Amino acid sequence: MRESFPELVWSQSGKPTKVCLGPRGQREDWDRFKSVCPSIVEAVEQLLHSFSDQKVEVTFGDVLDYGPGHLLGWHQDSMDLTRHLFTVVLTLASEGSGRCEWGATHFCWPRLYVSHSVSSRWRKIAEDGQELQEVVSSTMPALGNLAIHGLTCNNELAHRVFWDEGRRLALVLFCRSPEIEALLKGKGAQSRLSMRYWWRKEHEKVK
């Protein structure tokens, strides 16, 4: 995919190489990737089909390629009620060693977090949103691991991924659906991003 679509590749020293798939409002939007990576496109179709009670749209999709020494530092996803309501991450390949780590904030509703075949590390964000607190869970994602986190999880938790040796390939889908949007608005939910307050340069370092 990197060779066939070099204009979609983003690379920076010390970070995973990213292939930007772009938005997928309808099935045909990613047809151009079928000839190069049919298995990834098929995985996307099966994932979206599994949301049988809602019409899920991918506002943006990426494939992240982690190698030795790569780090995606502590962060929150940039969620809001109309554009990005939950994130789906599928591990397509996992070799060597690395970790997914998570932390938490005090904001609480509504929660959506699902993880299969792997637990995660969660690091708390202080109640005032000014700093990260303790790490509460850590794991190495296995092949086929599926993790979904939504608005409340993103309000409460910061996460990072780093890889020490070997390789990890992950499909990341930033998603929304009219059904979830209506549900969250009905509950008065809000996206609460505190990263601009607690982020520090040292959060880009593996410890």
N, C-alpha and C. Protein backbone atom coordinates (compact mmCIF):
# COMPACT_ATOMS: atom_id res chain seq x y z
N MET A 1 0.83 -1.20 0.00
CA MET A 1 0.00 0.00 0.00
C MET A 1 0.87 1.26 0.00
N ARG A 2 1.98 1.23 0.76
CA ARG A 2 2.86 2.40 0.80
C ARG A 2 3.48 2.67 -0.57
N GLU A 3 3.79 1.58 -1.30
CA GLU A 3 4.38 1.75 -2.63
C GLU A 3 3.35 2.19 -3.66
N SER A 4 2.13 1.71 -3.53
CA SER A 4 1.09 2.02 -4.51
C SER A 4 0.47 3.39 -4.29
N PHE A 5 0.47 3.86 -3.03
CA PHE A 5 -0.13 5.16 -2.71
C PHE A 5 0.83 6.00 -1.87
N PRO A 6 1.99 6.35 -2.43
CA PRO A 6 2.99 7.11 -1.64
C PRO A 6 2.48 8.46 -1.17
N GLU A 7 1.51 9.03 -1.88
CA GLU A 7 0.96 10.34 -1.50
C GLU A 7 0.14 10.26 -0.21
N LEU A 8 -0.21 9.04 0.22
CA LEU A 8 -1.01 8.87 1.42
C LEU A 8 -0.16 8.53 2.65
N VAL A 9 1.14 8.42 2.46
CA VAL A 9 2.04 7.97 3.53
C VAL A 9 2.58 9.14 4.31
N TRP A 10 2.52 9.03 5.64
CA TRP A 10 3.11 10.02 6.55
C TRP A 10 4.13 9.31 7.41
N SER A 11 5.35 9.84 7.45
CA SER A 11 6.42 9.20 8.19
C SER A 11 7.23 10.23 8.96
N GLN A 12 7.51 9.93 10.23
CA GLN A 12 8.32 10.80 11.08
C GLN A 12 9.19 9.92 11.96
N SER A 13 10.43 10.32 12.15
CA SER A 13 11.37 9.54 12.93
C SER A 13 10.83 9.26 14.33
N GLY A 14 10.90 7.99 14.73
CA GLY A 14 10.47 7.60 16.07
C GLY A 14 8.99 7.33 16.21
N LYS A 15 8.19 7.54 15.15
CA LYS A 15 6.75 7.31 15.20
C LYS A 15 6.35 6.28 14.15
N PRO A 16 5.20 5.63 14.35
CA PRO A 16 4.76 4.65 13.36
C PRO A 16 4.48 5.30 12.01
N THR A 17 4.80 4.58 10.95
CA THR A 17 4.45 5.05 9.61
C THR A 17 2.94 4.93 9.43
N LYS A 18 2.34 5.98 8.90
CA LYS A 18 0.88 6.03 8.76
C LYS A 18 0.48 6.11 7.29
N VAL A 19 -0.43 5.24 6.88
CA VAL A 19 -1.07 5.33 5.57
C VAL A 19 -2.47 5.87 5.79
N CYS A 20 -2.75 7.05 5.27
CA CYS A 20 -4.02 7.74 5.50
C CYS A 20 -5.06 7.28 4.46
N LEU A 21 -6.02 6.51 4.90
CA LEU A 21 -7.04 5.99 3.98
C LEU A 21 -8.11 7.03 3.65
N GLY A 22 -8.26 8.03 4.53
CA GLY A 22 -9.25 9.06 4.29
C GLY A 22 -10.63 8.66 4.78
N PRO A 23 -11.67 9.43 4.44
CA PRO A 23 -13.03 9.13 4.90
C PRO A 23 -13.69 8.02 4.09
N ARG A 24 -14.64 7.36 4.72
CA ARG A 24 -15.42 6.33 4.04
C ARG A 24 -16.90 6.53 4.39
N GLY A 25 -17.56 7.36 3.63
CA GLY A 25 -18.97 7.60 3.85
C GLY A 25 -19.85 6.51 3.26
N GLN A 26 -19.33 5.87 2.20
CA GLN A 26 -20.03 4.75 1.59
C GLN A 26 -19.01 3.73 1.11
N ARG A 27 -19.48 2.53 0.84
CA ARG A 27 -18.60 1.40 0.56
C ARG A 27 -17.63 1.67 -0.58
N GLU A 28 -18.09 2.36 -1.61
CA GLU A 28 -17.28 2.56 -2.80
C GLU A 28 -16.08 3.49 -2.57
N ASP A 29 -16.09 4.23 -1.48
CA ASP A 29 -15.03 5.21 -1.25
C ASP A 29 -13.64 4.59 -1.15
N TRP A 30 -13.56 3.34 -0.69
CA TRP A 30 -12.25 2.69 -0.54
C TRP A 30 -12.02 1.57 -1.54
N ASP A 31 -12.80 1.54 -2.61
CA ASP A 31 -12.64 0.50 -3.62
C ASP A 31 -11.26 0.52 -4.24
N ARG A 32 -10.63 1.68 -4.30
CA ARG A 32 -9.32 1.78 -4.95
C ARG A 32 -8.24 1.01 -4.20
N PHE A 33 -8.48 0.66 -2.93
CA PHE A 33 -7.49 -0.07 -2.15
C PHE A 33 -7.62 -1.59 -2.31
N LYS A 34 -8.71 -2.05 -2.94
CA LYS A 34 -8.97 -3.48 -3.01
C LYS A 34 -7.88 -4.24 -3.77
N SER A 35 -7.38 -3.67 -4.83
CA SER A 35 -6.40 -4.39 -5.65
C SER A 35 -5.06 -4.54 -4.95
N VAL A 36 -4.79 -3.67 -3.98
CA VAL A 36 -3.50 -3.70 -3.28
C VAL A 36 -3.60 -4.43 -1.95
N CYS A 37 -4.63 -4.13 -1.18
CA CYS A 37 -4.82 -4.73 0.15
C CYS A 37 -6.26 -5.21 0.32
N PRO A 38 -6.65 -6.25 -0.41
CA PRO A 38 -8.05 -6.72 -0.32
C PRO A 38 -8.42 -7.20 1.08
N SER A 39 -7.45 -7.76 1.82
CA SER A 39 -7.76 -8.28 3.15
C SER A 39 -8.11 -7.16 4.13
N ILE A 40 -7.45 -6.01 4.00
CA ILE A 40 -7.75 -4.88 4.87
C ILE A 40 -9.13 -4.32 4.56
N VAL A 41 -9.44 -4.18 3.29
CA VAL A 41 -10.76 -3.68 2.89
C VAL A 41 -11.85 -4.64 3.35
N GLU A 42 -11.60 -5.94 3.23
CA GLU A 42 -12.58 -6.93 3.69
C GLU A 42 -12.76 -6.87 5.20
N ALA A 43 -11.67 -6.65 5.92
CA ALA A 43 -11.77 -6.52 7.38
C ALA A 43 -12.64 -5.32 7.77
N VAL A 44 -12.47 -4.22 7.05
CA VAL A 44 -13.28 -3.04 7.30
C VAL A 44 -14.75 -3.34 7.05
N GLU A 45 -15.05 -4.01 5.95
CA GLU A 45 -16.44 -4.32 5.62
C GLU A 45 -17.08 -5.21 6.69
N GLN A 46 -16.34 -6.20 7.17
CA GLN A 46 -16.87 -7.09 8.19
C GLN A 46 -17.08 -6.35 9.51
N LEU A 47 -16.14 -5.48 9.87
CA LEU A 47 -16.28 -4.71 11.11
C LEU A 47 -17.52 -3.82 11.07
N LEU A 48 -17.68 -3.09 9.98
CA LEU A 48 -18.81 -2.17 9.89
C LEU A 48 -20.14 -2.92 9.81
N HIS A 49 -20.11 -4.08 9.17
CA HIS A 49 -21.32 -4.90 9.07
C HIS A 49 -21.75 -5.41 10.44
N SER A 50 -20.79 -5.56 11.36
CA SER A 50 -21.11 -6.09 12.69
C SER A 50 -21.93 -5.10 13.52
N PHE A 51 -21.91 -3.82 13.15
CA PHE A 51 -22.75 -2.83 13.83
C PHE A 51 -24.14 -2.87 13.21
N SER A 52 -24.86 -3.95 13.49
CA SER A 52 -26.11 -4.23 12.76
C SER A 52 -27.25 -3.28 13.12
N ASP A 53 -27.15 -2.59 14.25
CA ASP A 53 -28.25 -1.74 14.68
C ASP A 53 -28.01 -0.26 14.40
N GLN A 54 -26.99 0.04 13.61
CA GLN A 54 -26.70 1.44 13.32
C GLN A 54 -25.94 1.56 12.00
N LYS A 55 -25.99 2.74 11.42
CA LYS A 55 -25.28 3.01 10.16
C LYS A 55 -23.97 3.74 10.50
N VAL A 56 -22.91 2.98 10.55
CA VAL A 56 -21.61 3.52 10.95
C VAL A 56 -20.88 4.11 9.75
N GLU A 57 -20.39 5.33 9.92
CA GLU A 57 -19.57 5.98 8.91
C GLU A 57 -18.15 6.13 9.45
N VAL A 58 -17.16 5.96 8.58
CA VAL A 58 -15.78 6.18 8.96
C VAL A 58 -15.38 7.58 8.53
N THR A 59 -15.24 8.48 9.50
CA THR A 59 -14.87 9.84 9.15
C THR A 59 -13.41 9.93 8.70
N PHE A 60 -12.59 8.97 9.19
CA PHE A 60 -11.21 8.89 8.72
C PHE A 60 -10.65 7.54 9.12
N GLY A 61 -9.78 6.99 8.28
CA GLY A 61 -9.15 5.72 8.57
C GLY A 61 -7.65 5.76 8.33
N ASP A 62 -6.90 5.03 9.14
CA ASP A 62 -5.45 4.94 9.00
C ASP A 62 -5.00 3.50 9.14
N VAL A 63 -3.87 3.17 8.54
CA VAL A 63 -3.13 1.96 8.85
C VAL A 63 -1.81 2.40 9.46
N LEU A 64 -1.53 1.96 10.69
CA LEU A 64 -0.31 2.34 11.39
C LEU A 64 0.65 1.16 11.42
N ASP A 65 1.89 1.42 11.03
CA ASP A 65 2.93 0.40 10.97
C ASP A 65 4.01 0.73 12.01
N TYR A 66 4.00 -0.02 13.12
CA TYR A 66 4.97 0.20 14.20
C TYR A 66 6.18 -0.69 14.01
N GLY A 67 7.37 -0.11 14.15
CA GLY A 67 8.61 -0.85 14.13
C GLY A 67 9.39 -0.62 15.41
N PRO A 68 10.60 -1.16 15.53
CA PRO A 68 11.39 -1.01 16.75
C PRO A 68 11.62 0.46 17.12
N GLY A 69 11.31 0.79 18.37
CA GLY A 69 11.52 2.15 18.86
C GLY A 69 10.43 3.14 18.54
N HIS A 70 9.37 2.69 17.90
CA HIS A 70 8.28 3.61 17.55
C HIS A 70 7.37 3.88 18.74
N LEU A 71 6.95 5.12 18.87
CA LEU A 71 6.09 5.54 19.97
C LEU A 71 5.01 6.49 19.48
N LEU A 72 3.77 6.20 19.84
CA LEU A 72 2.67 7.15 19.71
C LEU A 72 2.32 7.56 21.13
N GLY A 73 2.77 8.76 21.54
CA GLY A 73 2.77 9.15 22.94
C GLY A 73 1.39 9.36 23.53
N TRP A 74 1.36 9.65 24.83
CA TRP A 74 0.10 9.83 25.55
C TRP A 74 -0.79 10.86 24.87
N HIS A 75 -2.05 10.50 24.65
CA HIS A 75 -2.97 11.42 23.97
C HIS A 75 -4.41 10.99 24.19
N GLN A 76 -5.32 11.89 23.87
CA GLN A 76 -6.74 11.59 23.71
C GLN A 76 -7.08 11.75 22.23
N ASP A 77 -8.04 10.97 21.75
CA ASP A 77 -8.52 11.17 20.39
C ASP A 77 -9.36 12.44 20.33
N SER A 78 -9.38 13.07 19.15
CA SER A 78 -10.11 14.32 18.99
C SER A 78 -11.57 14.02 18.64
N MET A 79 -12.37 13.70 19.66
CA MET A 79 -13.76 13.32 19.44
C MET A 79 -14.70 14.51 19.59
N ASP A 80 -15.83 14.44 18.88
CA ASP A 80 -16.93 15.38 19.08
C ASP A 80 -18.23 14.69 18.70
N LEU A 81 -19.35 15.33 18.98
CA LEU A 81 -20.65 14.68 18.85
C LEU A 81 -21.13 14.52 17.42
N THR A 82 -20.53 15.20 16.47
CA THR A 82 -21.00 15.10 15.09
C THR A 82 -20.01 14.43 14.15
N ARG A 83 -18.74 14.41 14.51
CA ARG A 83 -17.71 13.95 13.56
C ARG A 83 -17.05 12.63 13.98
N HIS A 84 -16.79 12.45 15.27
CA HIS A 84 -16.01 11.31 15.73
C HIS A 84 -16.52 10.90 17.11
N LEU A 85 -17.23 9.77 17.17
CA LEU A 85 -17.88 9.34 18.40
C LEU A 85 -17.22 8.11 19.03
N PHE A 86 -16.54 7.31 18.23
CA PHE A 86 -15.82 6.17 18.77
C PHE A 86 -14.71 5.75 17.81
N THR A 87 -13.71 5.07 18.37
CA THR A 87 -12.54 4.63 17.61
C THR A 87 -12.46 3.11 17.65
N VAL A 88 -12.26 2.52 16.48
CA VAL A 88 -12.10 1.07 16.35
C VAL A 88 -10.66 0.78 15.95
N VAL A 89 -10.00 -0.10 16.70
CA VAL A 89 -8.61 -0.46 16.40
C VAL A 89 -8.52 -1.98 16.28
N LEU A 90 -8.07 -2.45 15.13
CA LEU A 90 -7.88 -3.88 14.88
C LEU A 90 -6.40 -4.14 14.62
N THR A 91 -5.80 -5.04 15.41
CA THR A 91 -4.40 -5.41 15.21
C THR A 91 -4.30 -6.44 14.09
N LEU A 92 -3.66 -6.05 12.99
CA LEU A 92 -3.55 -6.90 11.80
C LEU A 92 -2.32 -7.79 11.86
N ALA A 93 -1.29 -7.36 12.57
CA ALA A 93 -0.07 -8.15 12.72
C ALA A 93 0.60 -7.74 14.02
N SER A 94 1.22 -8.70 14.70
CA SER A 94 1.88 -8.40 15.97
C SER A 94 3.03 -9.37 16.16
N GLU A 95 4.26 -8.84 16.11
CA GLU A 95 5.47 -9.65 16.31
C GLU A 95 6.42 -8.89 17.22
N GLY A 96 7.18 -9.61 18.01
CA GLY A 96 8.15 -8.96 18.89
C GLY A 96 7.53 -8.54 20.20
N SER A 97 7.83 -7.32 20.64
CA SER A 97 7.30 -6.85 21.92
C SER A 97 7.01 -5.36 21.87
N GLY A 98 5.95 -4.98 22.56
CA GLY A 98 5.53 -3.58 22.67
C GLY A 98 4.34 -3.52 23.60
N ARG A 99 3.82 -2.32 23.84
CA ARG A 99 2.74 -2.17 24.79
C ARG A 99 1.70 -1.17 24.31
N CYS A 100 0.45 -1.42 24.70
CA CYS A 100 -0.62 -0.43 24.65
C CYS A 100 -0.92 -0.04 26.09
N GLU A 101 -0.96 1.24 26.37
CA GLU A 101 -1.13 1.71 27.73
C GLU A 101 -2.21 2.78 27.78
N TRP A 102 -2.96 2.78 28.89
CA TRP A 102 -4.10 3.67 29.02
C TRP A 102 -4.11 4.35 30.37
N GLY A 103 -4.71 5.55 30.43
CA GLY A 103 -4.89 6.28 31.68
C GLY A 103 -6.27 6.91 31.70
N ALA A 104 -6.70 7.52 32.83
CA ALA A 104 -8.10 7.92 32.99
C ALA A 104 -8.30 9.34 33.49
N THR A 105 -9.47 9.93 33.17
CA THR A 105 -9.93 11.19 33.72
C THR A 105 -11.19 10.95 34.53
N HIS A 106 -11.75 12.02 35.12
CA HIS A 106 -12.92 11.87 35.98
C HIS A 106 -14.24 11.97 35.25
N PHE A 107 -14.25 12.40 33.98
CA PHE A 107 -15.53 12.56 33.29
C PHE A 107 -16.12 11.20 32.92
N CYS A 108 -17.43 11.06 33.00
CA CYS A 108 -18.00 9.72 33.07
C CYS A 108 -19.09 9.28 32.10
N TRP A 109 -19.68 10.01 31.22
CA TRP A 109 -20.78 9.39 30.48
C TRP A 109 -20.76 9.84 29.03
N PRO A 110 -21.15 8.97 28.10
CA PRO A 110 -21.45 7.56 28.19
C PRO A 110 -20.22 6.73 27.87
N ARG A 111 -20.10 5.55 28.38
CA ARG A 111 -18.90 4.73 28.23
C ARG A 111 -19.07 3.74 27.07
N LEU A 112 -18.04 3.60 26.27
CA LEU A 112 -18.00 2.54 25.28
C LEU A 112 -16.57 2.06 25.19
N TYR A 113 -16.32 0.89 25.72
CA TYR A 113 -14.98 0.31 25.60
C TYR A 113 -15.12 -1.19 25.49
N VAL A 114 -14.59 -1.76 24.45
CA VAL A 114 -14.61 -3.20 24.25
C VAL A 114 -13.22 -3.63 23.84
N SER A 115 -12.73 -4.70 24.42
CA SER A 115 -11.43 -5.22 24.03
C SER A 115 -11.47 -6.73 24.07
N HIS A 116 -11.02 -7.38 22.99
CA HIS A 116 -10.98 -8.83 22.93
C HIS A 116 -9.54 -9.28 22.76
N SER A 117 -9.17 -10.37 23.42
CA SER A 117 -7.87 -11.02 23.31
C SER A 117 -6.75 -10.23 23.96
N VAL A 118 -7.03 -9.14 24.63
CA VAL A 118 -5.96 -8.35 25.23
C VAL A 118 -6.58 -7.39 26.24
N SER A 119 -5.89 -7.19 27.36
CA SER A 119 -6.28 -6.13 28.27
C SER A 119 -5.50 -4.89 27.92
N SER A 120 -5.76 -3.77 28.60
CA SER A 120 -5.09 -2.53 28.27
C SER A 120 -4.63 -1.83 29.53
N ARG A 121 -3.67 -0.96 29.42
CA ARG A 121 -3.26 -0.16 30.56
C ARG A 121 -3.95 1.19 30.51
N TRP A 122 -4.49 1.60 31.63
CA TRP A 122 -5.23 2.85 31.73
C TRP A 122 -4.53 3.76 32.72
N ARG A 123 -4.23 4.97 32.33
CA ARG A 123 -3.57 5.93 33.21
C ARG A 123 -4.52 7.08 33.52
N LYS A 124 -4.74 7.35 34.79
CA LYS A 124 -5.71 8.36 35.19
C LYS A 124 -5.23 9.77 34.89
N ILE A 125 -6.18 10.62 34.50
CA ILE A 125 -5.94 12.05 34.40
C ILE A 125 -6.56 12.68 35.64
N ALA A 126 -5.85 13.62 36.23
CA ALA A 126 -6.33 14.25 37.46
C ALA A 126 -7.73 14.84 37.26
N GLU A 127 -8.48 14.94 38.35
CA GLU A 127 -9.85 15.41 38.28
C GLU A 127 -9.95 16.82 37.70
N ASP A 128 -8.94 17.64 37.94
CA ASP A 128 -8.96 19.00 37.39
C ASP A 128 -8.46 19.04 35.95
N GLY A 129 -8.09 17.87 35.40
CA GLY A 129 -7.64 17.80 34.00
C GLY A 129 -6.27 18.38 33.74
N GLN A 130 -5.48 18.60 34.78
CA GLN A 130 -4.20 19.29 34.62
C GLN A 130 -3.01 18.36 34.46
N GLU A 131 -3.16 17.08 34.85
CA GLU A 131 -2.01 16.18 34.76
C GLU A 131 -2.46 14.73 34.69
N LEU A 132 -1.56 13.87 34.19
CA LEU A 132 -1.81 12.44 34.18
C LEU A 132 -1.46 11.86 35.54
N GLN A 133 -2.22 10.82 35.92
CA GLN A 133 -1.94 10.13 37.17
C GLN A 133 -1.44 8.72 36.88
N GLU A 134 -1.74 7.77 37.78
CA GLU A 134 -1.10 6.47 37.69
C GLU A 134 -1.58 5.66 36.49
N VAL A 135 -0.72 4.77 36.03
CA VAL A 135 -1.07 3.80 35.01
C VAL A 135 -1.77 2.63 35.69
N VAL A 136 -2.89 2.20 35.14
CA VAL A 136 -3.67 1.15 35.79
C VAL A 136 -3.74 -0.14 34.98
N SER A 137 -3.28 -0.15 33.72
CA SER A 137 -3.30 -1.38 32.94
C SER A 137 -2.32 -1.27 31.78
N SER A 138 -1.70 -2.41 31.40
CA SER A 138 -0.75 -2.43 30.29
C SER A 138 -0.75 -3.81 29.65
N THR A 139 -0.58 -3.86 28.32
CA THR A 139 -0.58 -5.15 27.64
C THR A 139 0.08 -5.03 26.27
N MET A 140 0.44 -6.17 25.70
CA MET A 140 0.89 -6.23 24.32
C MET A 140 -0.26 -6.74 23.46
N PRO A 141 -0.74 -5.96 22.50
CA PRO A 141 -1.87 -6.39 21.67
C PRO A 141 -1.49 -7.56 20.78
N ALA A 142 -2.33 -8.56 20.76
CA ALA A 142 -2.09 -9.75 19.97
C ALA A 142 -2.74 -9.64 18.59
N LEU A 143 -2.31 -10.49 17.68
CA LEU A 143 -2.93 -10.57 16.36
C LEU A 143 -4.43 -10.79 16.50
N GLY A 144 -5.23 -9.96 15.83
CA GLY A 144 -6.68 -10.10 15.86
C GLY A 144 -7.35 -9.35 16.99
N ASN A 145 -6.56 -8.71 17.86
CA ASN A 145 -7.17 -7.92 18.94
C ASN A 145 -8.04 -6.81 18.37
N LEU A 146 -9.26 -6.71 18.89
CA LEU A 146 -10.18 -5.64 18.50
C LEU A 146 -10.50 -4.80 19.72
N ALA A 147 -10.25 -3.51 19.64
CA ALA A 147 -10.56 -2.59 20.74
C ALA A 147 -11.43 -1.46 20.21
N ILE A 148 -12.47 -1.13 20.97
CA ILE A 148 -13.36 -0.02 20.62
C ILE A 148 -13.49 0.88 21.83
N HIS A 149 -13.20 2.15 21.68
CA HIS A 149 -13.45 3.07 22.79
C HIS A 149 -14.21 4.28 22.29
N GLY A 150 -15.12 4.74 23.15
CA GLY A 150 -16.02 5.82 22.77
C GLY A 150 -15.81 7.08 23.57
N LEU A 151 -16.86 7.91 23.60
CA LEU A 151 -16.74 9.27 24.12
C LEU A 151 -16.35 9.31 25.59
N THR A 152 -17.01 8.51 26.43
CA THR A 152 -16.69 8.54 27.85
C THR A 152 -15.29 8.03 28.12
N CYS A 153 -14.94 6.93 27.46
CA CYS A 153 -13.58 6.40 27.60
C CYS A 153 -12.56 7.47 27.21
N ASN A 154 -12.83 8.18 26.13
CA ASN A 154 -11.91 9.21 25.67
C ASN A 154 -11.87 10.39 26.63
N ASN A 155 -13.01 10.70 27.26
CA ASN A 155 -13.04 11.76 28.26
C ASN A 155 -12.23 11.39 29.50
N GLU A 156 -12.23 10.11 29.85
CA GLU A 156 -11.62 9.67 31.09
C GLU A 156 -10.18 9.20 30.95
N LEU A 157 -9.79 8.75 29.75
CA LEU A 157 -8.55 8.00 29.62
C LEU A 157 -7.61 8.57 28.56
N ALA A 158 -6.34 8.59 28.91
CA ALA A 158 -5.29 8.87 27.94
C ALA A 158 -4.63 7.54 27.58
N HIS A 159 -4.12 7.43 26.37
CA HIS A 159 -3.49 6.17 25.96
C HIS A 159 -2.26 6.44 25.09
N ARG A 160 -1.40 5.43 25.03
CA ARG A 160 -0.22 5.48 24.17
C ARG A 160 0.12 4.08 23.70
N VAL A 161 0.91 3.99 22.63
CA VAL A 161 1.40 2.71 22.11
C VAL A 161 2.87 2.87 21.79
N PHE A 162 3.68 1.89 22.22
CA PHE A 162 5.08 1.89 21.81
C PHE A 162 5.51 0.47 21.48
N TRP A 163 6.49 0.37 20.59
CA TRP A 163 6.97 -0.94 20.15
C TRP A 163 8.48 -1.00 20.30
N ASP A 164 8.96 -2.04 21.00
CA ASP A 164 10.38 -2.18 21.27
C ASP A 164 11.13 -2.93 20.19
N GLU A 165 10.54 -4.03 19.74
CA GLU A 165 11.18 -4.83 18.69
C GLU A 165 10.11 -5.57 17.91
N GLY A 166 10.47 -5.97 16.69
CA GLY A 166 9.48 -6.62 15.83
C GLY A 166 8.61 -5.59 15.13
N ARG A 167 7.34 -5.93 14.97
CA ARG A 167 6.45 -5.09 14.17
C ARG A 167 5.01 -5.27 14.61
N ARG A 168 4.25 -4.19 14.56
CA ARG A 168 2.80 -4.24 14.76
C ARG A 168 2.13 -3.43 13.67
N LEU A 169 1.10 -4.00 13.07
CA LEU A 169 0.30 -3.32 12.05
C LEU A 169 -1.11 -3.18 12.58
N ALA A 170 -1.65 -1.96 12.58
CA ALA A 170 -2.97 -1.73 13.16
C ALA A 170 -3.85 -0.92 12.21
N LEU A 171 -5.09 -1.34 12.10
CA LEU A 171 -6.12 -0.60 11.37
C LEU A 171 -6.88 0.26 12.36
N VAL A 172 -6.95 1.57 12.10
CA VAL A 172 -7.60 2.50 13.02
C VAL A 172 -8.72 3.22 12.27
N LEU A 173 -9.94 3.11 12.79
CA LEU A 173 -11.10 3.74 12.17
C LEU A 173 -11.73 4.72 13.13
N PHE A 174 -11.81 5.98 12.73
CA PHE A 174 -12.49 7.01 13.53
C PHE A 174 -13.93 7.08 13.02
N CYS A 175 -14.88 6.76 13.88
CA CYS A 175 -16.25 6.49 13.43
C CYS A 175 -17.30 7.38 14.08
N ARG A 176 -18.45 7.41 13.43
CA ARG A 176 -19.65 8.05 13.97
C ARG A 176 -20.87 7.29 13.44
N SER A 177 -22.02 7.51 14.05
CA SER A 177 -23.28 7.01 13.51
C SER A 177 -24.39 7.92 13.99
N PRO A 178 -25.43 8.13 13.18
CA PRO A 178 -26.56 8.97 13.61
C PRO A 178 -27.23 8.42 14.86
N GLU A 179 -27.25 7.08 15.00
CA GLU A 179 -27.92 6.47 16.14
C GLU A 179 -27.18 6.79 17.45
N ILE A 180 -25.85 6.65 17.45
CA ILE A 180 -25.07 6.95 18.65
C ILE A 180 -25.11 8.45 18.93
N GLU A 181 -25.03 9.26 17.88
CA GLU A 181 -25.10 10.71 18.08
C GLU A 181 -26.40 11.11 18.77
N ALA A 182 -27.53 10.56 18.31
CA ALA A 182 -28.82 10.89 18.92
C ALA A 182 -28.88 10.42 20.37
N LEU A 183 -28.33 9.25 20.64
CA LEU A 183 -28.32 8.71 22.00
C LEU A 183 -27.51 9.61 22.93
N LEU A 184 -26.32 10.00 22.49
CA LEU A 184 -25.46 10.82 23.34
C LEU A 184 -26.05 12.21 23.56
N LYS A 185 -26.60 12.81 22.52
CA LYS A 185 -27.21 14.12 22.68
C LYS A 185 -28.40 14.06 23.62
N GLY A 186 -29.15 12.96 23.55
CA GLY A 186 -30.29 12.80 24.43
C GLY A 186 -29.89 12.70 25.90
N LYS A 187 -28.68 12.23 26.15
CA LYS A 187 -28.16 12.11 27.50
C LYS A 187 -27.37 13.35 27.94
N GLY A 188 -27.26 14.33 27.05
CA GLY A 188 -26.51 15.53 27.38
C GLY A 188 -25.02 15.33 27.42
N ALA A 189 -24.52 14.33 26.71
CA ALA A 189 -23.08 14.04 26.72
C ALA A 189 -22.30 15.12 25.99
N GLN A 190 -21.07 15.30 26.40
CA GLN A 190 -20.17 16.26 25.77
C GLN A 190 -18.78 15.64 25.64
N SER A 191 -18.05 16.08 24.63
CA SER A 191 -16.65 15.69 24.50
C SER A 191 -15.81 16.62 25.35
N ARG A 192 -15.03 16.07 26.25
CA ARG A 192 -14.21 16.87 27.16
C ARG A 192 -12.75 16.52 26.94
N LEU A 193 -12.08 17.33 26.15
CA LEU A 193 -10.67 17.11 25.84
C LEU A 193 -9.81 17.99 26.73
N SER A 194 -9.01 17.37 27.57
CA SER A 194 -8.16 18.12 28.50
C SER A 194 -6.68 18.02 28.15
N MET A 195 -6.37 17.44 26.99
CA MET A 195 -4.98 17.17 26.63
C MET A 195 -4.14 18.45 26.59
N ARG A 196 -4.74 19.55 26.19
CA ARG A 196 -3.97 20.80 26.10
C ARG A 196 -3.50 21.26 27.47
N TYR A 197 -4.11 20.76 28.54
CA TYR A 197 -3.72 21.13 29.89
C TYR A 197 -2.69 20.17 30.49
N TRP A 198 -2.87 18.85 30.26
CA TRP A 198 -2.00 17.89 30.92
C TRP A 198 -0.81 17.44 30.10
N TRP A 199 -0.82 17.69 28.78
CA TRP A 199 0.27 17.16 27.94
C TRP A 199 1.59 17.83 28.28
N ARG A 200 2.64 17.01 28.38
CA ARG A 200 4.00 17.48 28.61
C ARG A 200 4.93 16.83 27.59
N LYS A 201 6.05 17.46 27.34
CA LYS A 201 7.01 16.92 26.39
C LYS A 201 7.48 15.52 26.78
N GLU A 202 7.58 15.27 28.08
CA GLU A 202 8.04 13.95 28.53
C GLU A 202 7.06 12.84 28.20
N HIS A 203 5.83 13.18 27.83
CA HIS A 203 4.86 12.17 27.46
C HIS A 203 5.18 11.53 26.11
N GLU A 204 6.15 12.10 25.42
CA GLU A 204 6.61 11.51 24.15
C GLU A 204 7.74 10.52 24.38
N LYS A 205 8.08 10.25 25.63
CA LYS A 205 9.19 9.35 25.95
C LYS A 205 8.65 8.07 26.57
N VAL A 206 9.27 6.94 26.23
CA VAL A 206 8.91 5.68 26.84
C VAL A 206 9.59 5.57 28.19
N LYS A 207 8.84 5.21 29.23
CA LYS A 207 9.41 5.04 30.57
C LYS A 207 9.06 3.66 31.12
